[in-house]
Protein backbone atom coordinates (compact mmCIF):
# COMPACT_ATOMS: atom_id res chain seq x y z
CA MET A 1 -24.01 104.79 -22.73
CA ASP A 2 -25.99 105.49 -25.98
CA HIS A 3 -24.76 102.29 -27.60
CA VAL A 4 -25.18 99.64 -25.00
CA GLY A 5 -26.96 101.31 -22.09
CA GLY A 6 -30.38 100.06 -23.43
CA LEU A 7 -29.19 96.49 -22.76
CA LEU A 8 -29.12 97.27 -19.04
CA VAL A 9 -32.85 98.22 -18.98
CA ASP A 10 -34.72 95.27 -17.29
CA GLU A 11 -37.50 95.35 -20.01
CA VAL A 12 -34.77 94.69 -22.58
CA LYS A 13 -32.65 92.30 -20.54
CA ASN A 14 -35.65 90.05 -19.75
CA ARG A 15 -36.26 89.60 -23.57
CA LEU A 16 -32.79 88.47 -24.54
CA ARG A 17 -32.06 84.87 -25.28
CA PRO A 18 -29.81 82.96 -22.76
CA ASP A 19 -27.25 82.21 -25.56
CA LEU A 20 -26.76 85.96 -26.41
CA ARG A 21 -23.46 86.78 -28.00
CA ILE A 22 -22.27 90.36 -28.25
CA HIS A 23 -19.39 90.80 -30.80
CA VAL A 24 -17.10 93.64 -29.89
CA ALA A 25 -13.48 94.72 -30.65
CA ARG A 26 -11.04 93.75 -27.78
CA THR A 27 -9.74 97.30 -27.98
CA GLU A 28 -13.33 98.69 -27.17
CA VAL A 29 -13.57 96.37 -24.16
CA ASP A 30 -10.18 97.40 -23.02
CA PHE A 31 -11.12 101.12 -23.28
CA TRP A 32 -14.38 100.77 -21.43
CA ALA A 33 -12.66 98.68 -18.66
CA SER A 34 -10.63 101.79 -17.85
CA PRO A 35 -11.86 104.71 -19.90
CA ASP A 36 -9.48 107.81 -20.08
CA PHE A 37 -11.48 111.02 -21.02
CA SER A 38 -8.58 113.32 -20.08
CA SER A 39 -8.34 114.68 -23.58
CA THR A 40 -12.05 115.08 -24.31
CA ALA A 41 -14.37 118.03 -23.65
CA MET A 42 -17.62 116.77 -21.95
CA PRO A 43 -20.04 118.30 -19.49
CA THR A 44 -18.90 117.56 -15.90
CA PRO A 45 -21.32 114.69 -15.13
CA VAL A 46 -20.81 112.73 -18.43
CA PRO A 47 -17.56 110.93 -17.81
CA LYS A 48 -18.83 109.51 -14.53
CA VAL A 49 -22.11 108.45 -16.05
CA LEU A 50 -20.14 106.71 -18.90
CA ARG A 51 -17.83 104.95 -16.53
CA THR A 52 -20.75 103.66 -14.35
CA THR A 53 -22.66 102.41 -17.44
CA ALA A 54 -19.59 100.71 -18.76
CA GLN A 55 -18.93 99.04 -15.34
CA GLN A 56 -22.54 97.74 -15.24
CA PHE A 57 -22.41 96.57 -18.85
CA LEU A 58 -19.16 94.60 -18.34
CA ALA A 59 -20.45 93.18 -15.10
CA THR A 60 -23.73 92.13 -16.72
CA TYR A 61 -22.61 90.90 -20.08
CA GLY A 62 -18.82 90.16 -19.80
CA SER A 63 -19.35 86.46 -20.10
CA LYS A 64 -21.40 87.19 -23.40
CA LEU A 65 -18.66 89.06 -25.04
CA GLN A 66 -17.17 87.53 -28.26
CA MET A 67 -14.09 89.65 -28.78
CA PHE A 68 -12.22 90.13 -32.05
CA GLU A 69 -8.97 92.00 -32.95
CA GLU A 70 -9.46 93.55 -36.37
CA GLU A 71 -12.15 91.75 -38.47
CA SER A 72 -14.58 88.94 -37.71
CA GLU A 73 -17.28 87.20 -39.58
CA VAL A 74 -19.92 86.97 -36.83
CA ALA A 75 -22.49 85.11 -39.05
CA PRO A 76 -22.55 84.15 -42.67
CA GLY A 77 -22.40 87.28 -44.75
CA VAL A 78 -22.05 89.62 -41.68
CA VAL A 79 -18.52 90.93 -41.09
CA VAL A 80 -17.52 93.38 -38.39
CA TRP A 81 -14.37 95.44 -38.76
CA ARG A 82 -12.62 97.66 -36.21
CA THR A 83 -11.91 101.03 -37.66
CA GLY A 84 -11.55 103.29 -34.55
CA GLY A 85 -13.62 106.37 -34.45
CA HIS A 86 -14.95 108.27 -31.42
CA THR A 87 -13.73 105.31 -29.39
CA PRO A 88 -10.69 103.13 -30.01
CA GLY A 89 -12.75 99.99 -30.72
CA HIS A 90 -15.36 101.61 -32.91
CA SER A 91 -16.44 99.20 -35.57
CA VAL A 92 -18.48 99.05 -38.85
CA VAL A 93 -20.59 96.10 -39.95
CA ARG A 94 -20.97 94.88 -43.60
CA VAL A 95 -23.86 92.63 -44.56
CA THR A 96 -23.75 90.79 -47.85
CA SER A 97 -26.57 88.73 -49.23
CA GLY A 98 -27.47 87.77 -52.88
CA GLY A 99 -24.93 90.10 -54.38
CA GLU A 100 -26.24 93.07 -52.39
CA ARG A 101 -24.07 94.78 -49.81
CA LEU A 102 -24.95 97.07 -46.87
CA THR A 103 -22.35 98.82 -44.71
CA PHE A 104 -23.37 100.28 -41.38
CA ALA A 105 -20.94 102.82 -40.14
CA GLY A 106 -22.87 104.68 -37.45
CA ASP A 107 -20.87 107.27 -35.45
CA ALA A 108 -17.90 106.58 -37.61
CA ILE A 109 -17.48 110.01 -39.02
CA PHE A 110 -15.95 112.29 -36.31
CA PRO A 111 -13.18 114.76 -37.39
CA VAL A 112 -10.87 113.56 -34.63
CA GLY A 113 -11.35 109.79 -35.15
CA PHE A 114 -12.17 108.95 -38.73
CA ASP A 115 -9.93 106.22 -40.02
CA PRO A 116 -9.40 106.68 -43.79
CA ARG A 117 -9.11 102.93 -44.24
CA LEU A 118 -12.87 102.87 -43.76
CA ALA A 119 -13.43 104.44 -47.25
CA GLN A 120 -11.50 101.74 -48.83
CA TRP A 121 -13.15 98.94 -47.01
CA ILE A 122 -16.62 100.34 -47.97
CA ARG A 123 -15.69 100.43 -51.67
CA THR A 124 -14.31 96.90 -51.82
């Protein structure tokens, strides 16, 4: 909900280009198609709200999803890599330009889900 829920707001949806592509790990899509929160501790209304948001998102943007398995170059110099994290398909993004490099790993460091391969990928 906090990652894609904003795309469901009319003021945002109305500003998106018709050729919008959303790059996402297939594992993430599979998870949100049928999320299992049985081993998590969340306030009572949260799982229902998350499921509802996921259903709305998939119904609205399902045809716009560009799914990948492990890693994908989504544009020149922009690589997305599935690391897992607080959801199974959590991914990080690396942008490379002119010899400079930036890795965005938002929400990746959670004690129960951090994939140690991330540290290696960031260094390389």
